[in-house]
Amino acid sequence: MIIEKFDRTVEKDTMKKFYNGEIDAILIKNSNENTINEIGELEKQDLHGTYKVPIGANQDSEKKQVLRQEEDQPWHNDRMYYADIHSFCGLRANKVEEGAGDTYFCDMKAAWKSLPEELQENVKAEGLVEFSLANFFDRARYPYDVQDPREQRWLRMKRRCKNTIYKNDKFGEYAYFSPLYVTSKYFDILNESLFKDEFIYRHKWSNDDLIIWNNHTLSHKRDGTPRDIIRSLTRYAFHQPGESGPIERAEQNGKKE
């Protein structure tokens, strides 16, 4: 995994390499709330079409738009229940206290390369499998506040897609897999084999840290944080100037998510 580290700002040449997939993630120390706008153009995010998603207890935003902090969040890529995902994501620490949960990133290019050849061929041959929010609901506690049974039923039905676990695109070859979303006959062996310590970067948050990453090739997870400990983060999705995000592309095609 290639992670570049900067203070306050990022060089333009580094951002070019990041968008091209040559750099997997960038850590910016001493960022401010406007730093993300210097990096790219923000995209709308699920479930409420907001550009900045608050994470953590005791947030000022509406409760329904806040992601809880209490539970561990297993490995995933954001928006995997849609075929069209955010290409680049970010997290910024607004205020964190000692004991706030760490965030982990796994290099899925290196993880795929490490798999036995027979397993790689089996995964390729399996082809399209289901990625769904229904699987998330069944396997973990969803971090958004979804209490209404009708809303959860609707999300179970609508937030699903068919996709492949094996990817070979402009970012290279990598495994696109999450124990939260995926249904696969190779689920157990992939879940056991992909997320090895040698492929993982663990980040302990400090105030004003901003991490941006490739949402295709890096999977991420977090440790839960008790409610009495402040872990106030903001989640972003973004793209290069002149491009667009998945929700914007759907809207341009006359579709409403």
C-alpha atoms as a PDB file:
ATOM      1  CA  MET A   1       0.000   0.000   0.000  1.00  0.00           C
ATOM      2  CA  ILE A   2       1.338   3.404  -0.966  1.00  0.00           C
ATOM      3  CA  ILE A   3       0.390   6.169   1.507  1.00  0.00           C
ATOM      4  CA  GLU A   4       1.778   9.662   1.127  1.00  0.00           C
ATOM      5  CA  LYS A   5       1.873  12.042   4.127  1.00  0.00           C
ATOM      6  CA  PHE A   6       1.646  15.832   3.984  1.00  0.00           C
ATOM      7  CA  ASP A   7       1.174  18.801   6.285  1.00  0.00           C
ATOM      8  CA  ARG A   8      -1.745  21.151   5.497  1.00  0.00           C
ATOM      9  CA  THR A   9      -1.630  20.951   1.684  1.00  0.00           C
ATOM     10  CA  VAL A  10      -0.926  18.369  -1.032  1.00  0.00           C
ATOM     11  CA  GLU A  11       1.251  18.884  -4.094  1.00  0.00           C
ATOM     12  CA  LYS A  12      -0.594  18.886  -7.443  1.00  0.00           C
ATOM     13  CA  ASP A  13       1.666  16.184  -8.862  1.00  0.00           C
ATOM     14  CA  THR A  14       0.802  13.943  -5.894  1.00  0.00           C
ATOM     15  CA  MET A  15      -2.923  14.464  -6.474  1.00  0.00           C
ATOM     16  CA  LYS A  16      -2.463  13.538 -10.128  1.00  0.00           C
ATOM     17  CA  LYS A  17      -0.810  10.271  -9.093  1.00  0.00           C
ATOM     18  CA  PHE A  18      -3.581   9.675  -6.564  1.00  0.00           C
ATOM     19  CA  TYR A  19      -6.339  10.090  -9.148  1.00  0.00           C
ATOM     20  CA  ASN A  20      -4.429   7.830 -11.561  1.00  0.00           C
ATOM     21  CA  GLY A  21      -4.191   5.089  -8.950  1.00  0.00           C
ATOM     22  CA  GLU A  22      -0.428   5.286  -8.420  1.00  0.00           C
ATOM     23  CA  ILE A  23      -0.998   6.346  -4.791  1.00  0.00           C
ATOM     24  CA  ASP A  24      -3.574   4.496  -2.697  1.00  0.00           C
ATOM     25  CA  ALA A  25      -4.125   7.005   0.114  1.00  0.00           C
ATOM     26  CA  ILE A  26      -2.953  10.375   1.397  1.00  0.00           C
ATOM     27  CA  LEU A  27      -2.776  11.508   5.021  1.00  0.00           C
ATOM     28  CA  ILE A  28      -2.906  15.271   5.535  1.00  0.00           C
ATOM     29  CA  LYS A  29      -1.995  16.506   8.999  1.00  0.00           C
ATOM     30  CA  ASN A  30      -3.260  19.855  10.315  1.00  0.00           C
ATOM     31  CA  SER A  31      -5.991  20.130   7.696  1.00  0.00           C
ATOM     32  CA  ASN A  32      -8.928  22.500   7.974  1.00  0.00           C
ATOM     33  CA  GLU A  33     -12.566  22.261   6.895  1.00  0.00           C
ATOM     34  CA  ASN A  34     -11.746  23.710   3.467  1.00  0.00           C
ATOM     35  CA  THR A  35      -8.815  21.405   2.663  1.00  0.00           C
ATOM     36  CA  ILE A  36     -11.073  18.839   0.979  1.00  0.00           C
ATOM     37  CA  ASN A  37     -12.321  21.532  -1.430  1.00  0.00           C
ATOM     38  CA  GLU A  38      -8.739  22.150  -2.549  1.00  0.00           C
ATOM     39  CA  ILE A  39      -8.397  18.462  -3.418  1.00  0.00           C
ATOM     40  CA  GLY A  40     -11.498  17.794  -5.509  1.00  0.00           C
ATOM     41  CA  GLU A  41     -15.204  18.403  -6.009  1.00  0.00           C
ATOM     42  CA  LEU A  42     -17.524  16.932  -3.387  1.00  0.00           C
ATOM     43  CA  GLU A  43     -20.193  14.375  -4.301  1.00  0.00           C
ATOM     44  CA  LYS A  44     -23.600  13.663  -2.797  1.00  0.00           C
ATOM     45  CA  GLN A  45     -23.609  10.604  -0.535  1.00  0.00           C
ATOM     46  CA  ASP A  46     -26.179   8.078   0.661  1.00  0.00           C
ATOM     47  CA  LEU A  47     -28.629   7.915   2.224  1.00  0.00           C
ATOM     48  CA  HIS A  48     -29.652  11.540   2.291  1.00  0.00           C
ATOM     49  CA  GLY A  49     -27.743  13.150  -0.583  1.00  0.00           C
ATOM     50  CA  THR A  50     -25.485  15.160   1.740  1.00  0.00           C
ATOM     51  CA  TYR A  51     -22.002  16.287   0.743  1.00  0.00           C
ATOM     52  CA  LYS A  52     -20.581  16.063   4.259  1.00  0.00           C
ATOM     53  CA  VAL A  53     -21.685  13.108   6.409  1.00  0.00           C
ATOM     54  CA  PRO A  54     -21.174  13.570  10.169  1.00  0.00           C
ATOM     55  CA  ILE A  55     -19.929  10.581  12.169  1.00  0.00           C
ATOM     56  CA  GLY A  56     -20.106  10.323  15.925  1.00  0.00           C
ATOM     57  CA  ALA A  57     -22.282  10.849  18.981  1.00  0.00           C
ATOM     58  CA  ASN A  58     -23.448  14.306  20.087  1.00  0.00           C
ATOM     59  CA  GLN A  59     -23.394  15.821  16.597  1.00  0.00           C
ATOM     60  CA  ASP A  60     -25.361  18.991  15.833  1.00  0.00           C
ATOM     61  CA  SER A  61     -26.831  17.635  12.597  1.00  0.00           C
ATOM     62  CA  GLU A  62     -30.186  15.887  12.384  1.00  0.00           C
ATOM     63  CA  LYS A  63     -29.961  12.512  14.068  1.00  0.00           C
ATOM     64  CA  LYS A  64     -31.055  10.666  10.934  1.00  0.00           C
ATOM     65  CA  GLN A  65     -28.094  11.987   8.956  1.00  0.00           C
ATOM     66  CA  VAL A  66     -25.448  11.075  11.546  1.00  0.00           C
ATOM     67  CA  LEU A  67     -23.501   7.819  11.425  1.00  0.00           C
ATOM     68  CA  ARG A  68     -23.224   6.190  14.839  1.00  0.00           C
ATOM     69  CA  GLN A  69     -19.815   5.550  16.390  1.00  0.00           C
ATOM     70  CA  GLU A  70     -20.547   2.802  18.933  1.00  0.00           C
ATOM     71  CA  GLU A  71     -20.268  -0.344  16.830  1.00  0.00           C
ATOM     72  CA  ASP A  72     -17.252  -1.890  15.154  1.00  0.00           C
ATOM     73  CA  GLN A  73     -17.652  -1.471  11.398  1.00  0.00           C
ATOM     74  CA  PRO A  74     -16.344  -4.502   9.445  1.00  0.00           C
ATOM     75  CA  TRP A  75     -14.405  -4.304   6.181  1.00  0.00           C
ATOM     76  CA  HIS A  76     -16.173  -2.562   3.308  1.00  0.00           C
ATOM     77  CA  ASN A  77     -15.943  -0.076   0.460  1.00  0.00           C
ATOM     78  CA  ASP A  78     -18.462   2.759   0.563  1.00  0.00           C
ATOM     79  CA  ARG A  79     -21.630   2.304  -1.524  1.00  0.00           C
ATOM     80  CA  MET A  80     -20.952  -1.309  -2.528  1.00  0.00           C
ATOM     81  CA  TYR A  81     -24.662  -2.085  -2.889  1.00  0.00           C
ATOM     82  CA  TYR A  82     -24.617  -0.022  -6.107  1.00  0.00           C
ATOM     83  CA  ALA A  83     -22.619  -0.953  -9.187  1.00  0.00           C
ATOM     84  CA  ASP A  84     -21.600   2.713  -9.536  1.00  0.00           C
ATOM     85  CA  ILE A  85     -19.607   3.679  -6.447  1.00  0.00           C
ATOM     86  CA  HIS A  86     -17.674   6.706  -5.210  1.00  0.00           C
ATOM     87  CA  SER A  87     -14.154   6.427  -6.617  1.00  0.00           C
ATOM     88  CA  PHE A  88     -12.494   8.507  -3.901  1.00  0.00           C
ATOM     89  CA  CYS A  89     -13.474   9.049  -0.285  1.00  0.00           C
ATOM     90  CA  GLY A  90     -12.161  10.909   2.732  1.00  0.00           C
ATOM     91  CA  LEU A  91     -12.460  11.147   6.498  1.00  0.00           C
ATOM     92  CA  ARG A  92     -11.545  14.192   8.577  1.00  0.00           C
ATOM     93  CA  ALA A  93     -11.150  14.246  12.368  1.00  0.00           C
ATOM     94  CA  ASN A  94     -12.847  17.368  13.716  1.00  0.00           C
ATOM     95  CA  LYS A  95     -12.296  16.425  17.354  1.00  0.00           C
ATOM     96  CA  VAL A  96     -11.196  13.123  18.858  1.00  0.00           C
ATOM     97  CA  GLU A  97     -10.401  12.084  22.407  1.00  0.00           C
ATOM     98  CA  GLU A  98      -8.145   9.377  23.783  1.00  0.00           C
ATOM     99  CA  GLY A  99      -9.892   6.044  23.336  1.00  0.00           C
ATOM    100  CA  ALA A 100     -11.566   6.941  20.023  1.00  0.00           C
ATOM    101  CA  GLY A 101     -11.692   3.981  17.645  1.00  0.00           C
ATOM    102  CA  ASP A 102      -8.993   3.571  15.003  1.00  0.00           C
ATOM    103  CA  THR A 103      -9.642   3.212  11.270  1.00  0.00           C
ATOM    104  CA  TYR A 104      -7.962   0.490   9.202  1.00  0.00           C
ATOM    105  CA  PHE A 105      -7.246   0.325   5.461  1.00  0.00           C
ATOM    106  CA  CYS A 106      -6.503  -2.887   3.548  1.00  0.00           C
ATOM    107  CA  ASP A 107      -4.630  -2.981   0.241  1.00  0.00           C
ATOM    108  CA  MET A 108      -6.906  -5.155  -1.907  1.00  0.00           C
ATOM    109  CA  LYS A 109      -4.429  -5.219  -4.794  1.00  0.00           C
ATOM    110  CA  ALA A 110      -1.790  -6.885  -2.654  1.00  0.00           C
ATOM    111  CA  ALA A 111      -4.440  -9.066  -0.999  1.00  0.00           C
ATOM    112  CA  TRP A 112      -5.672 -10.343  -4.370  1.00  0.00           C
ATOM    113  CA  LYS A 113      -2.138 -11.040  -5.537  1.00  0.00           C
ATOM    114  CA  SER A 114      -1.534 -13.161  -2.422  1.00  0.00           C
ATOM    115  CA  LEU A 115      -4.412 -15.558  -3.110  1.00  0.00           C
ATOM    116  CA  PRO A 116      -3.642 -19.055  -4.443  1.00  0.00           C
ATOM    117  CA  GLU A 117      -3.997 -19.241  -8.213  1.00  0.00           C
ATOM    118  CA  GLU A 118      -6.774 -21.838  -7.979  1.00  0.00           C
ATOM    119  CA  LEU A 119      -8.857 -19.563  -5.741  1.00  0.00           C
ATOM    120  CA  GLN A 120      -8.268 -16.614  -8.065  1.00  0.00           C
ATOM    121  CA  GLU A 121      -9.526 -18.649 -11.031  1.00  0.00           C
ATOM    122  CA  ASN A 122     -12.569 -19.826  -9.063  1.00  0.00           C
ATOM    123  CA  VAL A 123     -13.484 -16.264  -8.115  1.00  0.00           C
ATOM    124  CA  LYS A 124     -13.088 -15.112 -11.699  1.00  0.00           C
ATOM    125  CA  ALA A 125     -15.281 -17.978 -12.922  1.00  0.00           C
ATOM    126  CA  GLU A 126     -17.982 -17.197 -10.363  1.00  0.00           C
ATOM    127  CA  GLY A 127     -18.572 -13.880 -12.080  1.00  0.00           C
ATOM    128  CA  LEU A 128     -21.426 -11.683 -10.926  1.00  0.00           C
ATOM    129  CA  VAL A 129     -22.553 -12.061  -7.312  1.00  0.00           C
ATOM    130  CA  GLU A 130     -24.940 -10.096  -5.127  1.00  0.00           C
ATOM    131  CA  PHE A 131     -23.886  -7.076  -3.095  1.00  0.00           C
ATOM    132  CA  SER A 132     -26.767  -5.914  -0.890  1.00  0.00           C
ATOM    133  CA  LEU A 133     -27.765  -3.786   2.048  1.00  0.00           C
ATOM    134  CA  ALA A 134     -29.959  -6.697   3.119  1.00  0.00           C
ATOM    135  CA  ASN A 135     -26.778  -8.645   3.873  1.00  0.00           C
ATOM    136  CA  PHE A 136     -25.534  -5.705   5.982  1.00  0.00           C
ATOM    137  CA  PHE A 137     -28.763  -5.639   8.004  1.00  0.00           C
ATOM    138  CA  ASP A 138     -28.475  -9.389   8.600  1.00  0.00           C
ATOM    139  CA  ARG A 139     -24.798  -9.384   9.587  1.00  0.00           C
ATOM    140  CA  ALA A 140     -24.231  -6.149  11.537  1.00  0.00           C
ATOM    141  CA  ARG A 141     -25.968  -3.067  12.892  1.00  0.00           C
ATOM    142  CA  TYR A 142     -26.418  -0.452  10.208  1.00  0.00           C
ATOM    143  CA  PRO A 143     -24.771   2.830  11.326  1.00  0.00           C
ATOM    144  CA  TYR A 144     -27.615   5.054  10.096  1.00  0.00           C
ATOM    145  CA  ASP A 145     -30.736   5.359  12.247  1.00  0.00           C
ATOM    146  CA  VAL A 146     -33.210   3.205  10.283  1.00  0.00           C
ATOM    147  CA  GLN A 147     -35.990   2.431  12.760  1.00  0.00           C
ATOM    148  CA  ASP A 148     -39.043   2.415  10.498  1.00  0.00           C
ATOM    149  CA  PRO A 149     -39.665  -1.192   9.311  1.00  0.00           C
ATOM    150  CA  ARG A 150     -41.076   0.148   6.023  1.00  0.00           C
ATOM    151  CA  GLU A 151     -37.900   2.102   5.319  1.00  0.00           C
ATOM    152  CA  GLN A 152     -35.734  -0.902   6.132  1.00  0.00           C
ATOM    153  CA  ARG A 153     -37.868  -3.093   3.849  1.00  0.00           C
ATOM    154  CA  TRP A 154     -37.472  -0.593   1.042  1.00  0.00           C
ATOM    155  CA  LEU A 155     -33.697  -0.424   1.549  1.00  0.00           C
ATOM    156  CA  ARG A 156     -33.471  -4.223   1.551  1.00  0.00           C
ATOM    157  CA  MET A 157     -35.256  -4.367  -1.783  1.00  0.00           C
ATOM    158  CA  LYS A 158     -33.654  -1.395  -3.545  1.00  0.00           C
ATOM    159  CA  ARG A 159     -30.065  -1.219  -2.283  1.00  0.00           C
ATOM    160  CA  ARG A 160     -28.622  -4.213  -4.128  1.00  0.00           C
ATOM    161  CA  CYS A 161     -26.689  -4.930  -7.287  1.00  0.00           C
ATOM    162  CA  LYS A 162     -24.752  -7.596  -9.151  1.00  0.00           C
ATOM    163  CA  ASN A 163     -21.003  -7.125  -9.338  1.00  0.00           C
ATOM    164  CA  THR A 164     -17.793  -9.117  -9.560  1.00  0.00           C
ATOM    165  CA  ILE A 165     -15.326  -9.744  -6.748  1.00  0.00           C
ATOM    166  CA  TYR A 166     -12.412  -9.840  -9.166  1.00  0.00           C
ATOM    167  CA  LYS A 167     -11.586  -6.482 -10.722  1.00  0.00           C
ATOM    168  CA  ASN A 168      -9.133  -5.586 -13.467  1.00  0.00           C
ATOM    169  CA  ASP A 169      -9.505  -1.943 -14.478  1.00  0.00           C
ATOM    170  CA  LYS A 170      -7.499   1.291 -14.738  1.00  0.00           C
ATOM    171  CA  PHE A 171      -6.398   0.824 -11.113  1.00  0.00           C
ATOM    172  CA  GLY A 172      -5.045  -2.694 -11.742  1.00  0.00           C
ATOM    173  CA  GLU A 173      -6.106  -6.123 -10.448  1.00  0.00           C
ATOM    174  CA  TYR A 174      -7.727  -6.254  -7.029  1.00  0.00           C
ATOM    175  CA  ALA A 175     -10.326  -7.989  -4.887  1.00  0.00           C
ATOM    176  CA  TYR A 176     -13.604  -6.128  -4.412  1.00  0.00           C
ATOM    177  CA  PHE A 177     -15.023  -7.876  -1.366  1.00  0.00           C
ATOM    178  CA  SER A 178     -16.783  -7.094   1.909  1.00  0.00           C
ATOM    179  CA  PRO A 179     -18.095  -9.445   4.607  1.00  0.00           C
ATOM    180  CA  LEU A 180     -20.929  -6.933   5.078  1.00  0.00           C
ATOM    181  CA  TYR A 181     -22.332  -6.894   1.552  1.00  0.00           C
ATOM    182  CA  VAL A 182     -21.226  -9.893  -0.503  1.00  0.00           C
ATOM    183  CA  THR A 183     -22.896 -13.226  -1.220  1.00  0.00           C
ATOM    184  CA  SER A 184     -20.404 -15.733  -2.661  1.00  0.00           C
ATOM    185  CA  LYS A 185     -19.715 -19.454  -2.550  1.00  0.00           C
ATOM    186  CA  TYR A 186     -16.120 -18.462  -1.645  1.00  0.00           C
ATOM    187  CA  PHE A 187     -17.177 -16.068   1.133  1.00  0.00           C
ATOM    188  CA  ASP A 188     -15.464 -17.861   4.043  1.00  0.00           C
ATOM    189  CA  ILE A 189     -12.113 -18.468   2.405  1.00  0.00           C
ATOM    190  CA  LEU A 190     -11.973 -14.926   0.991  1.00  0.00           C
ATOM    191  CA  ASN A 191     -12.908 -13.352   4.315  1.00  0.00           C
ATOM    192  CA  GLU A 192     -10.177 -15.397   5.988  1.00  0.00           C
ATOM    193  CA  SER A 193      -7.508 -14.848   3.332  1.00  0.00           C
ATOM    194  CA  LEU A 194      -7.787 -11.237   2.190  1.00  0.00           C
ATOM    195  CA  PHE A 195      -7.514  -9.164   5.353  1.00  0.00           C
ATOM    196  CA  LYS A 196      -4.038 -10.054   6.562  1.00  0.00           C
ATOM    197  CA  ASP A 197      -1.990  -7.773   8.808  1.00  0.00           C
ATOM    198  CA  GLU A 198       0.700  -7.387   6.160  1.00  0.00           C
ATOM    199  CA  PHE A 199      -1.794  -5.594   3.880  1.00  0.00           C
ATOM    200  CA  ILE A 200      -3.275  -3.285   6.528  1.00  0.00           C
ATOM    201  CA  TYR A 201      -2.534   0.264   7.634  1.00  0.00           C
ATOM    202  CA  ARG A 202      -3.986   1.219  11.026  1.00  0.00           C
ATOM    203  CA  HIS A 203      -4.637   4.900  11.682  1.00  0.00           C
ATOM    204  CA  LYS A 204      -4.939   6.401  15.147  1.00  0.00           C
ATOM    205  CA  TRP A 205      -6.764   9.705  14.782  1.00  0.00           C
ATOM    206  CA  SER A 206      -5.523  13.125  15.859  1.00  0.00           C
ATOM    207  CA  ASN A 207      -7.449  16.362  15.570  1.00  0.00           C
ATOM    208  CA  ASP A 208      -7.445  17.807  12.022  1.00  0.00           C
ATOM    209  CA  ASP A 209      -6.222  14.612  10.352  1.00  0.00           C
ATOM    210  CA  LEU A 210      -7.646  14.149   6.860  1.00  0.00           C
ATOM    211  CA  ILE A 211      -7.262  10.830   5.062  1.00  0.00           C
ATOM    212  CA  ILE A 212      -8.333  10.398   1.437  1.00  0.00           C
ATOM    213  CA  TRP A 213      -8.259   7.038  -0.323  1.00  0.00           C
ATOM    214  CA  ASN A 214      -9.120   5.075  -3.448  1.00  0.00           C
ATOM    215  CA  ASN A 215     -12.512   3.531  -2.681  1.00  0.00           C
ATOM    216  CA  HIS A 216     -12.044   0.851  -5.335  1.00  0.00           C
ATOM    217  CA  THR A 217      -8.727  -0.630  -4.254  1.00  0.00           C
ATOM    218  CA  LEU A 218      -8.738  -0.017  -0.486  1.00  0.00           C
ATOM    219  CA  SER A 219     -11.197  -1.596   1.900  1.00  0.00           C
ATOM    220  CA  HIS A 220     -11.648   0.014   5.314  1.00  0.00           C
ATOM    221  CA  LYS A 221     -13.094  -0.717   8.733  1.00  0.00           C
ATOM    222  CA  ARG A 222     -13.181   0.928  12.150  1.00  0.00           C
ATOM    223  CA  ASP A 223     -13.223   0.111  15.843  1.00  0.00           C
ATOM    224  CA  GLY A 224     -16.288   1.206  17.772  1.00  0.00           C
ATOM    225  CA  THR A 225     -16.117   4.079  20.259  1.00  0.00           C
ATOM    226  CA  PRO A 226     -18.148   4.397  23.489  1.00  0.00           C
ATOM    227  CA  ARG A 227     -20.669   7.264  23.444  1.00  0.00           C
ATOM    228  CA  ASP A 228     -18.923   9.106  26.261  1.00  0.00           C
ATOM    229  CA  ILE A 229     -15.750   9.496  24.156  1.00  0.00           C
ATOM    230  CA  ILE A 230     -15.737  12.179  21.473  1.00  0.00           C
ATOM    231  CA  ARG A 231     -14.993  10.883  17.976  1.00  0.00           C
ATOM    232  CA  SER A 232     -16.313  13.569  15.658  1.00  0.00           C
ATOM    233  CA  LEU A 233     -15.439  12.848  12.024  1.00  0.00           C
ATOM    234  CA  THR A 234     -16.749  13.998   8.656  1.00  0.00           C
ATOM    235  CA  ARG A 235     -16.990  11.648   5.687  1.00  0.00           C
ATOM    236  CA  TYR A 236     -16.540  12.883   2.121  1.00  0.00           C
ATOM    237  CA  ALA A 237     -16.767  11.508  -1.393  1.00  0.00           C
ATOM    238  CA  PHE A 238     -15.156  13.478  -4.215  1.00  0.00           C
ATOM    239  CA  HIS A 239     -13.817  13.478  -7.762  1.00  0.00           C
ATOM    240  CA  GLN A 240     -11.527  15.433 -10.039  1.00  0.00           C
ATOM    241  CA  PRO A 241     -12.821  18.791 -11.302  1.00  0.00           C
ATOM    242  CA  GLY A 242     -14.955  18.327 -14.397  1.00  0.00           C
ATOM    243  CA  GLU A 243     -16.109  14.812 -13.505  1.00  0.00           C
ATOM    244  CA  SER A 244     -19.224  13.743 -11.581  1.00  0.00           C
ATOM    245  CA  GLY A 245     -20.315  11.406  -8.793  1.00  0.00           C
ATOM    246  CA  PRO A 246     -22.637   8.365  -8.968  1.00  0.00           C
ATOM    247  CA  ILE A 247     -25.698  10.111  -7.544  1.00  0.00           C
ATOM    248  CA  GLU A 248     -25.185  13.045  -9.917  1.00  0.00           C
ATOM    249  CA  ARG A 249     -24.800  10.623 -12.854  1.00  0.00           C
ATOM    250  CA  ALA A 250     -28.047   8.895 -11.893  1.00  0.00           C
ATOM    251  CA  GLU A 251     -29.823  12.256 -11.719  1.00  0.00           C
ATOM    252  CA  GLN A 252     -28.467  13.222 -15.120  1.00  0.00           C
ATOM    253  CA  ASN A 253     -29.995  10.023 -16.499  1.00  0.00           C
ATOM    254  CA  GLY A 254     -33.365  10.852 -14.971  1.00  0.00           C
ATOM    255  CA  LYS A 255     -33.094   8.396 -12.096  1.00  0.00           C
ATOM    256  CA  LYS A 256     -33.659   9.107  -8.422  1.00  0.00           C
ATOM    257  CA  GLU A 257     -31.916   6.917  -5.861  1.00  0.00           C
END
